[in-house]
N, C-alpha and C. Protein backbone atom coordinates (compact mmCIF):
# COMPACT_ATOMS: atom_id res chain seq x y z
N MET A 1 134.77 98.10 200.83
CA MET A 1 133.86 99.23 200.56
C MET A 1 133.56 100.37 201.47
N GLU A 2 134.12 101.77 202.22
CA GLU A 2 133.83 102.36 202.58
C GLU A 2 132.36 102.38 203.18
N ASN A 3 131.64 102.98 202.27
CA ASN A 3 130.56 103.07 202.70
C ASN A 3 129.46 101.74 202.33
N ILE A 4 128.72 101.20 203.15
CA ILE A 4 128.36 99.83 202.62
C ILE A 4 126.60 100.62 202.18
N LYS A 5 126.35 101.10 203.54
CA LYS A 5 125.12 101.74 203.93
C LYS A 5 124.86 102.87 202.44
N PHE A 6 125.54 103.28 202.40
CA PHE A 6 124.98 104.08 200.70
C PHE A 6 124.85 103.21 199.46
N TYR A 7 126.18 101.86 199.40
CA TYR A 7 125.86 100.93 197.99
C TYR A 7 124.38 100.70 198.65
N ASN A 8 124.43 99.85 199.60
CA ASN A 8 122.64 99.22 200.35
C ASN A 8 121.75 99.53 199.08
N SER A 9 120.94 101.53 199.70
CA SER A 9 120.69 102.14 199.41
C SER A 9 120.48 101.86 197.76
N ILE A 10 121.29 102.54 197.89
CA ILE A 10 121.50 102.63 196.05
C ILE A 10 121.29 101.77 194.92
N ILE A 11 121.48 99.99 195.85
CA ILE A 11 121.30 98.90 195.38
C ILE A 11 119.07 98.92 195.24
N LYS A 12 119.03 99.01 196.58
CA LYS A 12 117.95 99.51 196.62
C LYS A 12 116.74 99.76 195.76
N LEU A 13 117.39 100.76 195.36
CA LEU A 13 116.44 101.99 195.02
C LEU A 13 115.97 101.20 193.45
N SER A 14 117.89 100.56 193.27
CA SER A 14 118.48 100.68 191.33
C SER A 14 117.44 98.92 191.07
N ASN A 15 117.48 98.11 192.15
CA ASN A 15 116.79 96.87 192.21
C ASN A 15 115.21 97.01 191.97
N THR A 16 114.73 97.78 192.85
CA THR A 16 113.29 98.15 192.69
C THR A 16 113.04 99.16 191.37
N TYR A 17 113.78 99.80 190.64
CA TYR A 17 113.54 100.44 189.68
C TYR A 17 113.48 99.49 188.59
N ILE A 18 114.01 98.63 188.51
CA ILE A 18 114.90 97.56 187.55
C ILE A 18 113.78 96.13 187.74
N LYS A 19 113.23 96.24 188.80
CA LYS A 19 111.81 95.19 188.53
C LYS A 19 110.43 95.89 188.05
N LEU A 20 110.57 97.03 188.75
CA LEU A 20 108.93 97.54 188.36
C LEU A 20 109.34 98.22 186.59
N VAL A 21 110.40 98.27 186.20
CA VAL A 21 110.01 98.74 185.13
C VAL A 21 109.99 98.06 184.12
N TYR A 22 111.31 96.63 184.23
CA TYR A 22 112.36 96.11 182.65
C TYR A 22 111.25 95.12 183.54
N ASN A 23 111.02 94.26 184.55
CA ASN A 23 110.82 93.00 185.32
C ASN A 23 111.67 92.12 184.23
N PRO A 24 113.13 91.70 184.33
CA PRO A 24 113.73 90.72 183.31
C PRO A 24 113.38 89.64 183.78
N VAL A 25 113.65 88.81 183.09
CA VAL A 25 114.11 87.35 183.27
C VAL A 25 115.47 86.98 183.62
N ILE A 26 115.52 85.98 184.93
CA ILE A 26 117.12 85.59 184.95
C ILE A 26 117.19 84.46 185.09
N ILE A 27 118.13 84.08 184.44
CA ILE A 27 118.08 82.80 184.16
C ILE A 27 119.37 82.14 184.47
N GLY A 28 119.39 81.16 185.34
CA GLY A 28 120.67 80.30 185.69
C GLY A 28 121.22 81.01 186.67
N ARG A 29 120.49 81.64 187.41
CA ARG A 29 120.71 82.07 189.06
C ARG A 29 121.97 80.91 190.06
N ASP A 30 120.86 79.47 189.37
CA ASP A 30 121.76 78.81 190.83
C ASP A 30 122.52 78.10 190.36
N ASN A 31 123.82 78.98 189.29
CA ASN A 31 124.64 78.78 188.40
C ASN A 31 125.74 79.18 189.57
N ILE A 32 124.96 80.16 190.58
CA ILE A 32 126.27 81.02 191.58
C ILE A 32 125.93 80.27 192.93
N ASP A 33 127.41 80.36 193.42
CA ASP A 33 126.77 79.56 194.72
C ASP A 33 127.61 81.03 195.92
N ASP A 34 126.18 82.02 196.43
CA ASP A 34 126.43 83.05 197.14
C ASP A 34 127.98 83.23 198.08
N ASN A 35 128.89 81.71 198.30
CA ASN A 35 129.48 81.56 199.59
C ASN A 35 130.71 81.66 198.88
N LYS A 36 131.03 81.82 197.56
CA LYS A 36 131.92 82.15 196.61
C LYS A 36 131.77 83.43 196.21
N ASN A 37 133.49 84.32 195.25
CA ASN A 37 133.29 85.08 194.90
C ASN A 37 133.49 85.16 193.38
N TYR A 38 133.48 85.66 192.42
CA TYR A 38 133.36 85.32 191.06
C TYR A 38 134.28 86.16 189.88
N LEU A 39 134.96 86.41 189.01
CA LEU A 39 134.67 87.28 188.06
C LEU A 39 133.38 87.26 187.15
N PHE A 40 132.92 87.73 187.19
CA PHE A 40 131.40 88.01 186.07
C PHE A 40 131.89 88.75 184.78
N ALA A 41 132.30 88.06 183.64
CA ALA A 41 132.25 88.86 182.12
C ALA A 41 130.80 88.72 181.54
N GLY A 42 130.69 89.30 181.18
CA GLY A 42 130.19 89.02 179.52
C GLY A 42 129.21 90.07 178.35
N ASN A 43 128.42 90.70 177.94
CA ASN A 43 128.40 91.40 176.85
C ASN A 43 127.65 92.59 177.88
N HIS A 44 128.01 93.61 176.86
CA HIS A 44 127.54 95.11 177.16
C HIS A 44 126.73 95.91 176.24
N ILE A 45 125.39 95.84 176.41
CA ILE A 45 124.32 96.32 175.42
C ILE A 45 123.72 98.29 176.25
N ASN A 46 123.89 98.27 176.96
CA ASN A 46 123.35 99.08 177.63
C ASN A 46 124.05 100.15 179.36
N TRP A 47 123.99 101.28 179.06
CA TRP A 47 124.46 101.85 180.60
C TRP A 47 124.45 101.19 182.17
N LYS A 48 123.19 100.44 181.39
CA LYS A 48 122.48 100.01 183.06
C LYS A 48 122.57 98.40 182.88
N ASP A 49 124.31 98.39 182.06
CA ASP A 49 124.17 96.40 182.64
C ASP A 49 124.13 96.37 183.62
N PRO A 50 125.88 96.98 184.38
CA PRO A 50 125.71 96.67 185.68
C PRO A 50 124.94 96.95 186.48
N ALA A 51 123.82 96.96 186.67
CA ALA A 51 122.24 97.34 187.60
C ALA A 51 121.91 96.25 187.33
N LEU A 52 121.48 96.10 186.67
CA LEU A 52 120.74 94.47 185.53
C LEU A 52 121.31 93.07 186.16
N LEU A 53 123.35 93.44 186.20
CA LEU A 53 123.88 92.20 187.14
C LEU A 53 124.02 92.31 188.88
N ILE A 54 123.69 93.79 188.59
CA ILE A 54 123.66 93.40 191.02
C ILE A 54 122.34 92.46 190.76
N TYR A 55 121.36 92.97 189.93
CA TYR A 55 119.51 92.67 190.34
C TYR A 55 119.99 91.29 190.12
N GLY A 56 120.84 90.68 189.59
CA GLY A 56 120.79 89.10 188.95
C GLY A 56 121.14 88.61 190.32
N VAL A 57 122.41 89.25 190.69
CA VAL A 57 123.05 88.23 191.54
C VAL A 57 122.18 88.75 192.85
N ASP A 58 121.03 89.18 193.61
CA ASP A 58 120.65 89.05 194.09
C ASP A 58 121.07 89.90 195.11
N GLY A 59 121.44 91.19 194.65
CA GLY A 59 122.30 92.46 195.52
C GLY A 59 123.39 92.34 195.89
N ASN A 60 124.56 91.21 195.33
CA ASN A 60 125.34 91.02 196.11
C ASN A 60 126.96 91.97 195.62
N LEU A 61 127.07 92.50 196.26
CA LEU A 61 128.44 93.41 195.60
C LEU A 61 129.21 92.72 194.39
N ILE A 62 129.78 93.70 193.71
CA ILE A 62 130.17 93.29 192.63
C ILE A 62 131.19 95.22 191.70
N ASN A 63 132.07 94.73 192.06
CA ASN A 63 133.07 96.17 191.49
C ASN A 63 133.89 96.05 190.52
N PHE A 64 133.24 97.00 189.88
CA PHE A 64 132.60 97.22 188.27
C PHE A 64 134.65 97.55 187.69
N MET A 65 134.74 97.40 186.24
CA MET A 65 136.14 97.58 186.25
C MET A 65 135.31 98.54 185.06
N ALA A 66 135.38 100.58 184.88
CA ALA A 66 134.40 101.16 184.36
C ALA A 66 135.48 101.84 183.73
N LYS A 67 134.76 102.47 182.60
CA LYS A 67 135.57 103.63 181.49
C LYS A 67 136.00 104.85 182.72
N LYS A 68 137.36 105.37 182.29
CA LYS A 68 138.32 106.02 183.47
C LYS A 68 137.31 107.13 183.40
N GLU A 69 136.32 107.46 182.05
CA GLU A 69 135.80 108.61 181.70
C GLU A 69 135.13 109.04 182.99
N LEU A 70 134.26 108.02 183.38
CA LEU A 70 133.18 107.74 184.35
C LEU A 70 133.59 108.92 185.54
N PHE A 71 134.95 108.93 185.87
CA PHE A 71 136.00 108.77 186.94
C PHE A 71 136.27 110.45 186.21
N ASP A 72 136.36 111.35 185.68
CA ASP A 72 136.75 112.69 185.12
C ASP A 72 135.47 113.39 185.45
N ASN A 73 134.16 113.00 185.73
CA ASN A 73 132.91 113.78 185.22
C ASN A 73 132.78 113.93 187.02
N LYS A 74 132.90 114.86 187.53
CA LYS A 74 132.58 115.67 188.70
C LYS A 74 131.81 115.43 189.55
N LEU A 75 130.52 115.41 188.73
CA LEU A 75 129.41 114.66 189.00
C LEU A 75 129.32 112.90 189.84
N LEU A 76 130.35 112.40 188.63
CA LEU A 76 129.76 110.99 188.62
C LEU A 76 130.96 109.74 189.30
N SER A 77 131.94 111.16 189.46
CA SER A 77 132.95 109.88 189.85
C SER A 77 132.86 109.67 191.66
N PRO A 78 132.04 110.79 192.19
CA PRO A 78 132.22 110.45 193.80
C PRO A 78 131.11 108.85 193.71
N ILE A 79 129.96 109.27 192.71
CA ILE A 79 129.36 107.96 192.94
C ILE A 79 129.83 106.51 192.51
N VAL A 80 130.06 106.21 191.34
CA VAL A 80 130.81 105.57 191.03
C VAL A 80 132.18 104.69 191.66
N THR A 81 132.11 105.76 192.58
CA THR A 81 133.44 105.38 193.85
C THR A 81 132.79 105.00 195.03
N ARG A 82 132.01 104.79 195.28
CA ARG A 82 131.01 104.89 196.55
C ARG A 82 130.91 103.56 195.66
N LEU A 83 130.20 103.57 195.18
CA LEU A 83 129.36 101.85 194.15
C LEU A 83 130.51 100.97 194.26
N GLY A 84 131.71 100.86 194.20
CA GLY A 84 132.68 100.16 194.46
C GLY A 84 133.21 100.30 193.18
N ALA A 85 133.02 100.31 191.83
CA ALA A 85 133.66 100.57 190.74
C ALA A 85 135.26 101.35 190.82
N PHE A 86 135.82 100.70 190.04
CA PHE A 86 137.55 101.55 189.86
C PHE A 86 138.29 101.74 188.38
N PRO A 87 138.22 102.97 188.18
CA PRO A 87 138.81 102.62 185.95
C PRO A 87 139.75 102.36 185.79
N ILE A 88 139.05 102.13 184.20
CA ILE A 88 140.69 101.81 183.93
C ILE A 88 140.26 102.53 182.04
N ASP A 89 141.58 102.73 181.89
CA ASP A 89 141.84 103.19 180.60
C ASP A 89 142.16 102.12 179.30
N ARG A 90 140.80 102.68 178.19
CA ARG A 90 140.58 101.36 177.67
C ARG A 90 141.40 101.39 176.89
N GLY A 91 142.44 102.44 176.20
CA GLY A 91 142.97 102.25 175.21
C GLY A 91 144.57 101.61 175.33
N ASN A 92 144.88 101.16 176.93
CA ASN A 92 146.21 101.54 176.96
C ASN A 92 146.58 100.10 177.57
N GLY A 93 146.23 99.31 178.01
CA GLY A 93 146.86 97.68 178.58
C GLY A 93 146.97 98.78 180.24
N ASP A 94 146.09 99.00 180.34
CA ASP A 94 146.17 99.56 181.85
C ASP A 94 146.70 98.61 183.07
N LEU A 95 148.26 98.41 183.76
CA LEU A 95 148.11 97.43 184.47
C LEU A 95 147.92 97.66 185.56
N THR A 96 147.51 99.49 185.85
CA THR A 96 147.05 99.62 187.34
C THR A 96 145.65 98.80 187.74
N ALA A 97 144.41 98.78 186.29
CA ALA A 97 143.27 98.39 186.20
C ALA A 97 143.25 96.79 186.97
N VAL A 98 144.26 96.05 186.59
CA VAL A 98 144.53 94.57 186.68
C VAL A 98 144.85 94.08 187.50
N LYS A 99 145.45 95.01 188.30
CA LYS A 99 146.07 94.57 189.26
C LYS A 99 145.06 94.75 190.31
N THR A 100 144.20 96.00 190.33
CA THR A 100 142.59 96.44 191.08
C THR A 100 142.00 95.22 190.82
N ALA A 101 142.19 94.95 190.09
CA ALA A 101 140.86 93.55 189.65
C ALA A 101 141.35 92.01 190.52
N VAL A 102 142.28 91.94 189.71
CA VAL A 102 143.38 90.48 190.60
C VAL A 102 143.27 90.69 192.27
N ASN A 103 143.24 92.13 193.04
CA ASN A 103 143.65 92.21 194.79
C ASN A 103 142.13 92.18 194.96
N LEU A 104 140.84 92.59 194.16
CA LEU A 104 139.84 92.41 194.67
C LEU A 104 139.51 91.04 194.79
N LEU A 105 139.52 90.24 193.51
CA LEU A 105 139.21 89.01 193.91
C LEU A 105 140.48 88.23 194.64
N ARG A 106 140.95 88.54 195.11
CA ARG A 106 142.20 87.65 195.88
C ARG A 106 141.40 87.47 197.17
N ASN A 107 140.84 89.02 197.47
CA ASN A 107 140.72 89.87 198.85
C ASN A 107 138.56 89.66 199.26
N ASP A 108 138.24 88.32 197.79
CA ASP A 108 137.20 87.60 198.19
C ASP A 108 136.12 88.84 197.82
N HIS A 109 136.20 89.36 197.11
CA HIS A 109 134.97 90.23 196.23
C HIS A 109 135.04 89.62 195.06
N ASN A 110 133.35 90.03 194.44
CA ASN A 110 133.61 89.82 193.26
C ASN A 110 133.84 91.23 192.06
N VAL A 111 134.24 91.03 190.92
CA VAL A 111 134.09 91.32 189.99
C VAL A 111 133.74 91.47 188.61
N GLY A 112 133.48 93.03 187.89
CA GLY A 112 132.31 92.92 186.63
C GLY A 112 132.84 93.70 185.47
N ILE A 113 133.30 92.88 184.68
CA ILE A 113 134.27 93.28 183.87
C ILE A 113 133.48 92.83 182.72
N PHE A 114 133.00 94.20 181.60
CA PHE A 114 132.46 93.22 179.58
C PHE A 114 133.37 93.30 179.32
N PRO A 115 134.55 92.82 178.54
CA PRO A 115 135.27 92.14 178.16
C PRO A 115 135.23 92.79 176.77
N GLU A 116 133.93 93.51 176.51
CA GLU A 116 133.99 94.47 175.03
C GLU A 116 134.75 95.35 174.67
N GLY A 117 134.49 96.52 176.06
CA GLY A 117 135.21 97.32 176.77
C GLY A 117 134.60 97.98 176.04
N LYS A 118 133.44 98.40 175.32
CA LYS A 118 132.13 99.42 175.33
C LYS A 118 131.08 98.74 174.74
N ARG A 119 129.72 99.07 174.54
CA ARG A 119 128.35 99.32 174.40
C ARG A 119 128.10 98.82 172.93
N ASN A 120 128.06 97.55 172.70
CA ASN A 120 127.68 96.86 171.13
C ASN A 120 126.42 96.65 171.46
N ASN A 121 125.27 96.21 170.14
CA ASN A 121 124.01 95.97 170.06
C ASN A 121 124.26 94.13 169.35
N SER A 122 125.19 94.07 168.55
CA SER A 122 125.60 93.13 168.92
C SER A 122 126.77 92.72 169.40
N LEU A 123 126.98 90.98 169.71
CA LEU A 123 128.29 90.81 170.64
C LEU A 123 130.13 91.34 169.73
N GLY A 124 130.67 92.06 170.03
CA GLY A 124 131.21 93.10 169.26
C GLY A 124 132.69 91.93 169.95
N ASP A 125 134.20 92.43 169.63
CA ASP A 125 135.41 91.83 169.81
C ASP A 125 135.52 91.82 171.99
N PHE A 126 136.40 91.19 172.62
CA PHE A 126 136.95 91.02 173.64
C PHE A 126 138.31 91.30 173.36
N LYS A 127 138.08 92.31 174.27
CA LYS A 127 139.62 92.78 174.87
C LYS A 127 140.31 91.40 175.42
N SER A 128 141.54 91.25 175.85
CA SER A 128 142.28 89.48 175.51
C SER A 128 142.43 89.57 177.57
N GLY A 129 141.87 88.66 177.73
CA GLY A 129 142.92 88.99 179.23
C GLY A 129 142.23 88.88 180.44
N VAL A 130 140.99 88.49 180.46
CA VAL A 130 139.75 88.68 181.48
C VAL A 130 140.02 87.34 182.04
N PRO A 131 140.25 86.37 181.28
CA PRO A 131 140.83 85.02 181.76
C PRO A 131 141.95 85.07 182.77
N ARG A 132 142.62 85.57 182.13
CA ARG A 132 144.07 85.29 182.96
C ARG A 132 143.79 86.55 184.42
N ILE A 133 142.77 87.11 184.19
CA ILE A 133 142.66 88.27 185.31
C ILE A 133 142.99 87.56 186.72
N ALA A 134 141.33 86.22 186.52
CA ALA A 134 140.33 85.32 187.52
C ALA A 134 141.74 84.64 187.46
N LEU A 135 142.41 83.86 186.57
CA LEU A 135 143.83 83.08 186.91
C LEU A 135 144.43 83.83 187.82
N MET A 136 144.72 85.40 187.84
CA MET A 136 146.05 85.69 188.55
C MET A 136 145.03 85.75 189.83
N GLY A 137 143.70 85.60 189.76
CA GLY A 137 143.01 86.68 191.21
C GLY A 137 142.32 85.27 192.11
N ASN A 138 142.89 84.01 191.60
CA ASN A 138 142.32 82.64 192.02
C ASN A 138 140.67 81.63 192.07
N LYS A 139 140.01 82.79 191.21
CA LYS A 139 138.84 82.71 190.80
C LYS A 139 138.16 81.88 189.72
N GLU A 140 137.08 81.69 189.77
CA GLU A 140 136.66 81.35 188.46
C GLU A 140 135.62 82.57 187.28
N ILE A 141 135.24 82.59 186.56
CA ILE A 141 134.58 83.40 185.50
C ILE A 141 133.30 82.45 185.64
N ILE A 142 131.80 83.51 186.09
CA ILE A 142 130.72 83.01 185.70
C ILE A 142 130.32 83.90 184.28
N PRO A 143 130.32 83.71 183.31
CA PRO A 143 130.04 84.08 181.87
C PRO A 143 128.53 84.76 181.89
N PHE A 144 128.05 85.14 181.21
CA PHE A 144 126.58 86.21 181.47
C PHE A 144 126.10 86.23 180.02
N GLY A 145 125.58 86.46 179.45
CA GLY A 145 124.82 86.77 178.69
C GLY A 145 123.31 87.84 178.83
N ILE A 146 123.70 88.89 178.08
CA ILE A 146 122.13 89.91 178.20
C ILE A 146 121.37 90.42 176.63
N SER A 147 120.13 90.07 177.06
CA SER A 147 119.66 90.50 175.72
C SER A 147 118.16 90.93 175.76
N GLY A 148 117.48 91.31 174.52
CA GLY A 148 116.76 92.14 174.85
C GLY A 148 116.88 93.83 174.43
N GLU A 149 115.84 94.62 175.15
CA GLU A 149 115.61 96.22 175.25
C GLU A 149 115.36 96.61 176.72
N TYR A 150 116.00 97.32 177.53
CA TYR A 150 115.78 98.57 178.31
C TYR A 150 114.23 98.90 178.16
N LYS A 151 112.65 98.75 178.12
CA LYS A 151 112.33 99.29 177.60
C LYS A 151 110.55 98.05 178.24
N HIS A 152 109.74 98.77 179.09
CA HIS A 152 108.65 98.25 179.29
C HIS A 152 107.84 97.46 178.12
N ASN A 153 108.39 95.74 178.49
CA ASN A 153 108.00 94.24 177.98
C ASN A 153 109.18 94.26 177.02
N GLY A 154 110.19 94.88 176.68
CA GLY A 154 111.21 94.32 176.35
C GLY A 154 112.40 93.52 176.66
N ASN A 155 111.55 92.24 176.46
CA ASN A 155 111.32 90.76 176.79
C ASN A 155 113.38 91.33 177.68
N LEU A 156 113.39 91.96 178.46
CA LEU A 156 115.49 91.64 178.88
C LEU A 156 115.15 90.96 180.27
N THR A 157 116.53 90.08 179.07
CA THR A 157 116.90 88.60 179.64
C THR A 157 118.26 88.94 179.99
N LEU A 158 118.61 87.83 181.96
CA LEU A 158 120.34 88.08 181.99
C LEU A 158 120.04 86.27 182.04
N VAL A 159 121.08 86.09 181.21
CA VAL A 159 121.55 84.44 181.42
C VAL A 159 123.20 84.56 182.05
N PHE A 160 123.00 83.31 183.52
CA PHE A 160 124.04 83.09 183.48
C PHE A 160 124.56 81.60 183.54
N GLY A 161 125.84 81.48 183.16
CA GLY A 161 126.53 80.24 182.49
C GLY A 161 126.70 79.77 183.90
N LYS A 162 127.33 78.12 183.93
CA LYS A 162 128.80 77.75 184.61
C LYS A 162 129.53 78.64 184.91
N PRO A 163 130.57 78.40 186.38
CA PRO A 163 131.30 79.01 185.95
C PRO A 163 132.53 78.00 185.67
N ILE A 164 133.08 78.69 185.10
CA ILE A 164 134.59 78.63 184.93
C ILE A 164 135.70 78.75 184.65
N ASN A 165 136.92 77.28 185.46
CA ASN A 165 138.40 78.09 185.37
C ASN A 165 139.32 77.68 184.26
N PHE A 166 139.56 78.16 184.61
CA PHE A 166 140.26 78.20 182.90
C PHE A 166 142.08 77.67 183.69
N LYS A 167 142.27 77.07 185.06
CA LYS A 167 143.64 76.87 184.47
C LYS A 167 143.87 75.59 183.72
N GLY A 168 144.64 75.72 183.63
CA GLY A 168 145.64 74.54 182.31
C GLY A 168 144.80 74.57 180.94
N ILE A 169 144.58 76.27 180.82
CA ILE A 169 143.91 76.17 179.40
C ILE A 169 144.78 77.32 178.53
N LYS A 170 145.43 77.66 177.58
CA LYS A 170 146.29 78.51 176.67
C LYS A 170 145.74 80.14 176.44
N LYS A 171 146.09 80.82 176.82
CA LYS A 171 145.92 82.25 176.81
C LYS A 171 145.14 82.01 175.47
N ASN A 172 145.46 82.10 174.32
CA ASN A 172 144.66 82.98 173.58
C ASN A 172 143.46 82.07 173.15
N GLU A 173 143.44 80.69 173.45
CA GLU A 173 142.52 79.56 173.70
C GLU A 173 141.56 80.09 174.83
N ALA A 174 141.81 80.60 175.84
CA ALA A 174 141.08 80.82 176.72
C ALA A 174 139.92 82.37 176.83
N ASP A 175 140.50 82.84 175.89
CA ASP A 175 139.87 84.22 175.84
C ASP A 175 138.61 83.82 174.48
N GLU A 176 138.49 82.85 173.69
CA GLU A 176 137.88 82.63 172.69
C GLU A 176 136.92 81.58 173.51
N ILE A 177 137.04 80.81 174.44
CA ILE A 177 136.03 79.99 175.17
C ILE A 177 135.43 81.32 175.52
N LEU A 178 135.88 82.29 176.10
CA LEU A 178 134.91 83.12 176.95
C LEU A 178 134.04 83.55 176.03
N LYS A 179 134.58 83.96 174.92
CA LYS A 179 133.42 85.28 173.93
C LYS A 179 132.63 83.70 173.81
N GLU A 180 133.07 82.58 173.52
CA GLU A 180 132.12 81.35 172.78
C GLU A 180 130.55 81.41 173.39
N GLU A 181 131.56 81.36 175.32
CA GLU A 181 130.71 81.13 176.25
C GLU A 181 129.39 82.10 176.27
N VAL A 182 129.93 83.11 176.04
CA VAL A 182 128.82 84.06 176.33
C VAL A 182 127.99 84.35 175.31
N LYS A 183 128.18 84.39 173.83
CA LYS A 183 127.81 84.45 172.75
C LYS A 183 126.74 83.37 173.14
N SER A 184 125.89 82.12 173.37
CA SER A 184 125.66 80.73 174.05
C SER A 184 124.78 81.51 174.88
N LEU A 185 125.37 82.60 175.81
CA LEU A 185 124.06 83.09 176.94
C LEU A 185 123.01 83.99 176.67
N ILE A 186 123.24 84.18 174.88
CA ILE A 186 122.78 85.60 174.51
C ILE A 186 121.57 84.68 173.55
N LEU A 187 119.93 84.98 174.09
CA LEU A 187 119.13 84.32 173.41
C LEU A 187 118.86 85.49 172.16
N LYS A 188 118.50 84.62 170.96
CA LYS A 188 118.55 85.54 169.98
C LYS A 188 116.55 85.90 169.84
């Protein structure tokens, strides 16, 4: 990342805001080894989810795969780019985005992906291939589940599962295992 000072200052402000306004409950933080890098994958309920995830990992840098439309916006593009996000064309099997994610993982960066591909109030269908990205990047996946609401006393909760290594698991089974694990982490 080009400007770590920019990232750190934005994250510090974001973390303070999240703590003061939402005071989320974080469960399973001890499943994350800060000396390792992971692919983080979970459900997507609000545009603030990336900030919540970064708050949950104590500000550790996560490069998020983000819809390409954010990069078409002249105001948002420089900000999300400086925060380490990279674009994906959600409708077209975007190999460039996949290669970017794999390269980041291979170079010991954390990557965040919302496999639903869009925000949903209830868990939607997952796009296939997220476990494959982790395998190609030689990293484990930390599944997570977000529940509650982004409002004061909205019982906002982020639950991290144990790391999953998908070596030796068939592609179609891996996608379903990931979805079921995320589903189990969403508090009702």
